[in-house]
Amino acid sequence: MSRVVGYASGVFDLFHIGHLNLLRHAKAQCDHLVAGVLTDEAAGHKGHAPVVPLTERMEIVSAVKYVDEAIVDHTLEKMEAWRQVRFHKLFKGEDWKGTARGRQWERDFAEVGVEVVYLPYTMHVSSTNLRQLIQSVIDDADRRLGQ
Protein backbone atom coordinates (compact mmCIF):
# COMPACT_ATOMS: atom_id res chain seq x y z
CA MET A 1 0.00 0.00 0.00
CA SER A 2 1.42 3.38 -0.97
CA ARG A 3 1.35 6.38 1.30
CA VAL A 4 -0.55 9.50 0.29
CA VAL A 5 1.57 12.64 0.33
CA GLY A 6 -0.23 15.95 0.73
CA TYR A 7 0.99 19.48 0.15
CA ALA A 8 -0.37 22.64 1.77
CA SER A 9 1.34 25.94 1.17
CA GLY A 10 0.87 29.44 2.45
CA VAL A 11 2.60 32.48 3.81
CA PHE A 12 1.68 31.45 7.38
CA ASP A 13 2.32 35.01 8.59
CA LEU A 14 0.95 35.93 12.03
CA PHE A 15 0.16 32.23 12.54
CA HIS A 16 -3.45 31.81 13.68
CA ILE A 17 -6.25 29.25 14.09
CA GLY A 18 -7.10 29.38 10.37
CA HIS A 19 -3.60 28.19 9.53
CA LEU A 20 -3.83 25.47 12.16
CA ASN A 21 -7.23 24.36 10.82
CA LEU A 22 -5.87 24.13 7.27
CA LEU A 23 -2.97 21.96 8.38
CA ARG A 24 -5.17 19.82 10.65
CA HIS A 25 -7.75 19.15 7.91
CA ALA A 26 -5.02 18.46 5.36
CA LYS A 27 -3.23 15.96 7.59
CA ALA A 28 -6.52 14.11 8.14
CA GLN A 29 -6.57 13.36 4.39
CA CYS A 30 -3.00 12.16 3.84
CA ASP A 31 -0.28 10.05 5.41
CA HIS A 32 2.56 12.54 5.03
CA LEU A 33 1.92 16.29 5.01
CA VAL A 34 4.45 18.67 3.51
CA ALA A 35 3.87 22.35 4.27
CA GLY A 36 5.31 24.89 1.86
CA VAL A 37 6.12 28.24 3.44
CA LEU A 38 6.14 31.01 0.84
CA THR A 39 9.15 33.29 0.65
CA ASP A 40 8.67 37.03 1.13
CA GLU A 41 8.99 37.48 -2.64
CA ALA A 42 6.41 34.80 -3.44
CA ALA A 43 4.10 36.27 -0.79
CA GLY A 44 4.09 39.55 -2.75
CA HIS A 45 0.65 38.69 -4.17
CA LYS A 46 -0.73 39.85 -0.81
CA GLY A 47 0.45 43.40 -1.52
CA HIS A 48 2.75 43.62 1.49
CA ALA A 49 5.70 41.80 3.00
CA PRO A 50 5.08 39.32 5.81
CA VAL A 51 5.55 40.62 9.35
CA VAL A 52 7.25 37.46 10.60
CA PRO A 53 10.57 36.57 8.89
CA LEU A 54 10.70 33.44 6.73
CA THR A 55 13.10 31.60 9.05
CA GLU A 56 10.70 32.09 11.98
CA ARG A 57 7.65 31.12 9.91
CA MET A 58 9.49 27.95 8.87
CA GLU A 59 10.25 27.15 12.50
CA ILE A 60 6.64 27.74 13.58
CA VAL A 61 5.16 25.62 10.78
CA SER A 62 7.74 22.85 11.34
CA ALA A 63 6.69 22.66 15.00
CA VAL A 64 3.00 22.04 14.21
CA LYS A 65 2.21 18.43 15.02
CA TYR A 66 0.22 17.92 11.81
CA VAL A 67 3.20 18.83 9.62
CA ASP A 68 5.61 16.04 8.76
CA GLU A 69 7.94 18.23 6.73
CA ALA A 70 8.21 21.94 5.95
CA ILE A 71 9.92 23.35 2.88
CA VAL A 72 10.52 26.83 1.52
CA ASP A 73 8.10 27.56 -1.33
CA HIS A 74 9.45 30.03 -3.87
CA THR A 75 6.42 30.48 -6.12
CA LEU A 76 2.64 30.37 -6.37
CA GLU A 77 3.13 28.02 -9.34
CA LYS A 78 2.59 24.77 -7.48
CA MET A 79 3.84 22.53 -10.29
CA GLU A 80 7.36 23.50 -9.21
CA ALA A 81 6.57 22.25 -5.70
CA TRP A 82 5.06 19.08 -7.17
CA ARG A 83 8.25 18.37 -9.13
CA GLN A 84 10.18 18.67 -5.86
CA VAL A 85 7.80 16.81 -3.51
CA ARG A 86 5.69 14.56 -5.83
CA PHE A 87 2.58 14.94 -3.70
CA HIS A 88 -0.76 13.26 -4.45
CA LYS A 89 -3.04 15.95 -3.02
CA LEU A 90 -2.76 19.72 -3.09
CA PHE A 91 -4.63 21.35 -0.20
CA LYS A 92 -5.85 24.94 -0.48
CA GLY A 93 -8.39 27.01 1.40
CA GLU A 94 -11.83 27.10 -0.20
CA ASP A 95 -11.34 30.82 -0.85
CA TRP A 96 -9.21 29.72 -3.84
CA LYS A 97 -12.01 27.60 -5.34
CA GLY A 98 -13.38 29.09 -8.55
CA THR A 99 -10.56 31.63 -8.88
CA ALA A 100 -8.46 31.79 -12.03
CA ARG A 101 -5.47 30.37 -10.16
CA GLY A 102 -7.58 27.62 -8.58
CA ARG A 103 -8.94 26.56 -11.97
CA GLN A 104 -5.40 26.56 -13.37
CA TRP A 105 -4.20 24.31 -10.53
CA GLU A 106 -7.10 21.94 -11.22
CA ARG A 107 -6.18 21.73 -14.94
CA ASP A 108 -2.44 21.39 -14.34
CA PHE A 109 -2.73 18.77 -11.63
CA ALA A 110 -5.38 16.71 -13.42
CA GLU A 111 -2.68 16.00 -16.03
CA VAL A 112 -0.39 14.41 -13.42
CA GLY A 113 -3.06 12.69 -11.32
CA VAL A 114 -2.98 15.07 -8.36
CA GLU A 115 -6.23 15.91 -6.59
CA VAL A 116 -6.83 19.56 -5.63
CA VAL A 117 -8.70 19.55 -2.32
CA TYR A 118 -10.33 22.74 -1.04
CA LEU A 119 -10.57 22.91 2.73
CA PRO A 120 -12.93 25.02 4.86
CA TYR A 121 -11.82 28.62 5.29
CA THR A 122 -11.87 29.94 8.86
CA MET A 123 -14.01 33.01 8.22
CA HIS A 124 -13.50 34.97 11.43
CA VAL A 125 -9.72 35.31 11.21
CA SER A 126 -7.04 36.03 8.64
CA SER A 127 -3.54 37.46 8.70
CA THR A 128 -4.82 40.43 6.70
CA ASN A 129 -7.52 41.13 9.32
CA LEU A 130 -4.98 40.74 12.13
CA ARG A 131 -2.60 43.12 10.37
CA GLN A 132 -5.39 45.71 9.99
CA LEU A 133 -6.41 45.33 13.63
CA ILE A 134 -2.83 45.77 14.84
CA GLN A 135 -2.40 48.84 12.63
CA SER A 136 -5.61 50.41 13.95
CA VAL A 137 -4.44 49.88 17.55
CA ILE A 138 -1.10 51.52 16.69
CA ASP A 139 -2.84 54.42 14.92
CA ASP A 140 -5.19 54.91 17.89
CA ALA A 141 -2.28 54.89 20.35
CA ASP A 142 -0.39 57.41 18.18
CA ARG A 143 -3.45 59.72 18.13
CA ARG A 144 -3.80 59.50 21.90
CA LEU A 145 -0.12 60.27 22.34
CA GLY A 146 -0.41 63.23 19.98
CA GLN A 147 1.97 61.87 17.37
C-alpha atoms as a PDB file:
ATOM      1  CA  MET A   1       0.000   0.000   0.000  1.00  0.00           C
ATOM      2  CA  SER A   2       1.416   3.383  -0.969  1.00  0.00           C
ATOM      3  CA  ARG A   3       1.355   6.382   1.298  1.00  0.00           C
ATOM      4  CA  VAL A   4      -0.555   9.501   0.293  1.00  0.00           C
ATOM      5  CA  VAL A   5       1.568  12.637   0.328  1.00  0.00           C
ATOM      6  CA  GLY A   6      -0.228  15.955   0.727  1.00  0.00           C
ATOM      7  CA  TYR A   7       0.989  19.479   0.153  1.00  0.00           C
ATOM      8  CA  ALA A   8      -0.367  22.635   1.769  1.00  0.00           C
ATOM      9  CA  SER A   9       1.337  25.943   1.171  1.00  0.00           C
ATOM     10  CA  GLY A  10       0.874  29.442   2.454  1.00  0.00           C
ATOM     11  CA  VAL A  11       2.598  32.478   3.812  1.00  0.00           C
ATOM     12  CA  PHE A  12       1.684  31.449   7.378  1.00  0.00           C
ATOM     13  CA  ASP A  13       2.320  35.011   8.585  1.00  0.00           C
ATOM     14  CA  LEU A  14       0.951  35.934  12.026  1.00  0.00           C
ATOM     15  CA  PHE A  15       0.162  32.227  12.539  1.00  0.00           C
ATOM     16  CA  HIS A  16      -3.450  31.811  13.681  1.00  0.00           C
ATOM     17  CA  ILE A  17      -6.248  29.253  14.087  1.00  0.00           C
ATOM     18  CA  GLY A  18      -7.103  29.383  10.365  1.00  0.00           C
ATOM     19  CA  HIS A  19      -3.595  28.194   9.535  1.00  0.00           C
ATOM     20  CA  LEU A  20      -3.833  25.467  12.159  1.00  0.00           C
ATOM     21  CA  ASN A  21      -7.230  24.361  10.825  1.00  0.00           C
ATOM     22  CA  LEU A  22      -5.871  24.134   7.271  1.00  0.00           C
ATOM     23  CA  LEU A  23      -2.973  21.958   8.377  1.00  0.00           C
ATOM     24  CA  ARG A  24      -5.166  19.815  10.645  1.00  0.00           C
ATOM     25  CA  HIS A  25      -7.749  19.153   7.911  1.00  0.00           C
ATOM     26  CA  ALA A  26      -5.017  18.463   5.358  1.00  0.00           C
ATOM     27  CA  LYS A  27      -3.226  15.961   7.590  1.00  0.00           C
ATOM     28  CA  ALA A  28      -6.523  14.108   8.138  1.00  0.00           C
ATOM     29  CA  GLN A  29      -6.565  13.362   4.389  1.00  0.00           C
ATOM     30  CA  CYS A  30      -3.004  12.158   3.839  1.00  0.00           C
ATOM     31  CA  ASP A  31      -0.278  10.052   5.409  1.00  0.00           C
ATOM     32  CA  HIS A  32       2.555  12.538   5.031  1.00  0.00           C
ATOM     33  CA  LEU A  33       1.922  16.295   5.008  1.00  0.00           C
ATOM     34  CA  VAL A  34       4.449  18.667   3.511  1.00  0.00           C
ATOM     35  CA  ALA A  35       3.868  22.349   4.268  1.00  0.00           C
ATOM     36  CA  GLY A  36       5.313  24.886   1.862  1.00  0.00           C
ATOM     37  CA  VAL A  37       6.117  28.242   3.436  1.00  0.00           C
ATOM     38  CA  LEU A  38       6.137  31.013   0.838  1.00  0.00           C
ATOM     39  CA  THR A  39       9.150  33.294   0.652  1.00  0.00           C
ATOM     40  CA  ASP A  40       8.667  37.030   1.134  1.00  0.00           C
ATOM     41  CA  GLU A  41       8.995  37.475  -2.640  1.00  0.00           C
ATOM     42  CA  ALA A  42       6.405  34.795  -3.435  1.00  0.00           C
ATOM     43  CA  ALA A  43       4.096  36.272  -0.792  1.00  0.00           C
ATOM     44  CA  GLY A  44       4.090  39.546  -2.752  1.00  0.00           C
ATOM     45  CA  HIS A  45       0.647  38.692  -4.166  1.00  0.00           C
ATOM     46  CA  LYS A  46      -0.733  39.851  -0.811  1.00  0.00           C
ATOM     47  CA  GLY A  47       0.445  43.399  -1.521  1.00  0.00           C
ATOM     48  CA  HIS A  48       2.753  43.621   1.490  1.00  0.00           C
ATOM     49  CA  ALA A  49       5.697  41.802   2.996  1.00  0.00           C
ATOM     50  CA  PRO A  50       5.080  39.316   5.808  1.00  0.00           C
ATOM     51  CA  VAL A  51       5.550  40.622   9.348  1.00  0.00           C
ATOM     52  CA  VAL A  52       7.250  37.458  10.595  1.00  0.00           C
ATOM     53  CA  PRO A  53      10.570  36.574   8.888  1.00  0.00           C
ATOM     54  CA  LEU A  54      10.696  33.435   6.730  1.00  0.00           C
ATOM     55  CA  THR A  55      13.095  31.602   9.054  1.00  0.00           C
ATOM     56  CA  GLU A  56      10.701  32.093  11.978  1.00  0.00           C
ATOM     57  CA  ARG A  57       7.650  31.123   9.905  1.00  0.00           C
ATOM     58  CA  MET A  58       9.490  27.945   8.869  1.00  0.00           C
ATOM     59  CA  GLU A  59      10.250  27.146  12.503  1.00  0.00           C
ATOM     60  CA  ILE A  60       6.645  27.736  13.579  1.00  0.00           C
ATOM     61  CA  VAL A  61       5.158  25.623  10.783  1.00  0.00           C
ATOM     62  CA  SER A  62       7.736  22.854  11.343  1.00  0.00           C
ATOM     63  CA  ALA A  63       6.692  22.662  14.996  1.00  0.00           C
ATOM     64  CA  VAL A  64       3.004  22.042  14.214  1.00  0.00           C
ATOM     65  CA  LYS A  65       2.207  18.427  15.024  1.00  0.00           C
ATOM     66  CA  TYR A  66       0.216  17.922  11.811  1.00  0.00           C
ATOM     67  CA  VAL A  67       3.196  18.831   9.624  1.00  0.00           C
ATOM     68  CA  ASP A  68       5.609  16.036   8.758  1.00  0.00           C
ATOM     69  CA  GLU A  69       7.938  18.229   6.732  1.00  0.00           C
ATOM     70  CA  ALA A  70       8.209  21.945   5.953  1.00  0.00           C
ATOM     71  CA  ILE A  71       9.923  23.352   2.878  1.00  0.00           C
ATOM     72  CA  VAL A  72      10.519  26.833   1.519  1.00  0.00           C
ATOM     73  CA  ASP A  73       8.099  27.563  -1.332  1.00  0.00           C
ATOM     74  CA  HIS A  74       9.452  30.032  -3.872  1.00  0.00           C
ATOM     75  CA  THR A  75       6.421  30.481  -6.115  1.00  0.00           C
ATOM     76  CA  LEU A  76       2.638  30.374  -6.374  1.00  0.00           C
ATOM     77  CA  GLU A  77       3.126  28.023  -9.343  1.00  0.00           C
ATOM     78  CA  LYS A  78       2.586  24.769  -7.479  1.00  0.00           C
ATOM     79  CA  MET A  79       3.844  22.531 -10.292  1.00  0.00           C
ATOM     80  CA  GLU A  80       7.362  23.499  -9.207  1.00  0.00           C
ATOM     81  CA  ALA A  81       6.573  22.250  -5.696  1.00  0.00           C
ATOM     82  CA  TRP A  82       5.063  19.076  -7.168  1.00  0.00           C
ATOM     83  CA  ARG A  83       8.250  18.369  -9.132  1.00  0.00           C
ATOM     84  CA  GLN A  84      10.183  18.669  -5.863  1.00  0.00           C
ATOM     85  CA  VAL A  85       7.804  16.806  -3.512  1.00  0.00           C
ATOM     86  CA  ARG A  86       5.694  14.562  -5.828  1.00  0.00           C
ATOM     87  CA  PHE A  87       2.577  14.937  -3.704  1.00  0.00           C
ATOM     88  CA  HIS A  88      -0.759  13.257  -4.451  1.00  0.00           C
ATOM     89  CA  LYS A  89      -3.039  15.948  -3.017  1.00  0.00           C
ATOM     90  CA  LEU A  90      -2.762  19.719  -3.086  1.00  0.00           C
ATOM     91  CA  PHE A  91      -4.631  21.350  -0.200  1.00  0.00           C
ATOM     92  CA  LYS A  92      -5.851  24.936  -0.481  1.00  0.00           C
ATOM     93  CA  GLY A  93      -8.389  27.009   1.397  1.00  0.00           C
ATOM     94  CA  GLU A  94     -11.830  27.098  -0.203  1.00  0.00           C
ATOM     95  CA  ASP A  95     -11.345  30.824  -0.847  1.00  0.00           C
ATOM     96  CA  TRP A  96      -9.207  29.720  -3.839  1.00  0.00           C
ATOM     97  CA  LYS A  97     -12.007  27.601  -5.344  1.00  0.00           C
ATOM     98  CA  GLY A  98     -13.383  29.090  -8.555  1.00  0.00           C
ATOM     99  CA  THR A  99     -10.560  31.625  -8.883  1.00  0.00           C
ATOM    100  CA  ALA A 100      -8.457  31.794 -12.032  1.00  0.00           C
ATOM    101  CA  ARG A 101      -5.470  30.366 -10.162  1.00  0.00           C
ATOM    102  CA  GLY A 102      -7.584  27.617  -8.578  1.00  0.00           C
ATOM    103  CA  ARG A 103      -8.936  26.558 -11.975  1.00  0.00           C
ATOM    104  CA  GLN A 104      -5.397  26.559 -13.370  1.00  0.00           C
ATOM    105  CA  TRP A 105      -4.203  24.309 -10.534  1.00  0.00           C
ATOM    106  CA  GLU A 106      -7.102  21.944 -11.224  1.00  0.00           C
ATOM    107  CA  ARG A 107      -6.184  21.732 -14.936  1.00  0.00           C
ATOM    108  CA  ASP A 108      -2.442  21.392 -14.338  1.00  0.00           C
ATOM    109  CA  PHE A 109      -2.732  18.771 -11.635  1.00  0.00           C
ATOM    110  CA  ALA A 110      -5.377  16.708 -13.424  1.00  0.00           C
ATOM    111  CA  GLU A 111      -2.679  16.002 -16.028  1.00  0.00           C
ATOM    112  CA  VAL A 112      -0.386  14.411 -13.421  1.00  0.00           C
ATOM    113  CA  GLY A 113      -3.058  12.693 -11.322  1.00  0.00           C
ATOM    114  CA  VAL A 114      -2.982  15.074  -8.361  1.00  0.00           C
ATOM    115  CA  GLU A 115      -6.226  15.915  -6.590  1.00  0.00           C
ATOM    116  CA  VAL A 116      -6.826  19.556  -5.627  1.00  0.00           C
ATOM    117  CA  VAL A 117      -8.695  19.554  -2.319  1.00  0.00           C
ATOM    118  CA  TYR A 118     -10.325  22.739  -1.043  1.00  0.00           C
ATOM    119  CA  LEU A 119     -10.574  22.909   2.730  1.00  0.00           C
ATOM    120  CA  PRO A 120     -12.929  25.021   4.855  1.00  0.00           C
ATOM    121  CA  TYR A 121     -11.821  28.618   5.291  1.00  0.00           C
ATOM    122  CA  THR A 122     -11.873  29.939   8.855  1.00  0.00           C
ATOM    123  CA  MET A 123     -14.008  33.014   8.224  1.00  0.00           C
ATOM    124  CA  HIS A 124     -13.497  34.969  11.434  1.00  0.00           C
ATOM    125  CA  VAL A 125      -9.716  35.306  11.205  1.00  0.00           C
ATOM    126  CA  SER A 126      -7.038  36.027   8.637  1.00  0.00           C
ATOM    127  CA  SER A 127      -3.542  37.457   8.698  1.00  0.00           C
ATOM    128  CA  THR A 128      -4.823  40.433   6.698  1.00  0.00           C
ATOM    129  CA  ASN A 129      -7.516  41.127   9.321  1.00  0.00           C
ATOM    130  CA  LEU A 130      -4.984  40.743  12.132  1.00  0.00           C
ATOM    131  CA  ARG A 131      -2.599  43.121  10.373  1.00  0.00           C
ATOM    132  CA  GLN A 132      -5.386  45.709   9.994  1.00  0.00           C
ATOM    133  CA  LEU A 133      -6.410  45.331  13.628  1.00  0.00           C
ATOM    134  CA  ILE A 134      -2.833  45.768  14.836  1.00  0.00           C
ATOM    135  CA  GLN A 135      -2.398  48.839  12.627  1.00  0.00           C
ATOM    136  CA  SER A 136      -5.613  50.410  13.949  1.00  0.00           C
ATOM    137  CA  VAL A 137      -4.440  49.878  17.553  1.00  0.00           C
ATOM    138  CA  ILE A 138      -1.100  51.517  16.694  1.00  0.00           C
ATOM    139  CA  ASP A 139      -2.839  54.425  14.922  1.00  0.00           C
ATOM    140  CA  ASP A 140      -5.189  54.912  17.886  1.00  0.00           C
ATOM    141  CA  ALA A 141      -2.278  54.894  20.345  1.00  0.00           C
ATOM    142  CA  ASP A 142      -0.393  57.408  18.181  1.00  0.00           C
ATOM    143  CA  ARG A 143      -3.446  59.717  18.126  1.00  0.00           C
ATOM    144  CA  ARG A 144      -3.797  59.502  21.904  1.00  0.00           C
ATOM    145  CA  LEU A 145      -0.120  60.274  22.342  1.00  0.00           C
ATOM    146  CA  GLY A 146      -0.407  63.227  19.982  1.00  0.00           C
ATOM    147  CA  GLN A 147       1.972  61.873  17.369  1.00  0.00           C
END
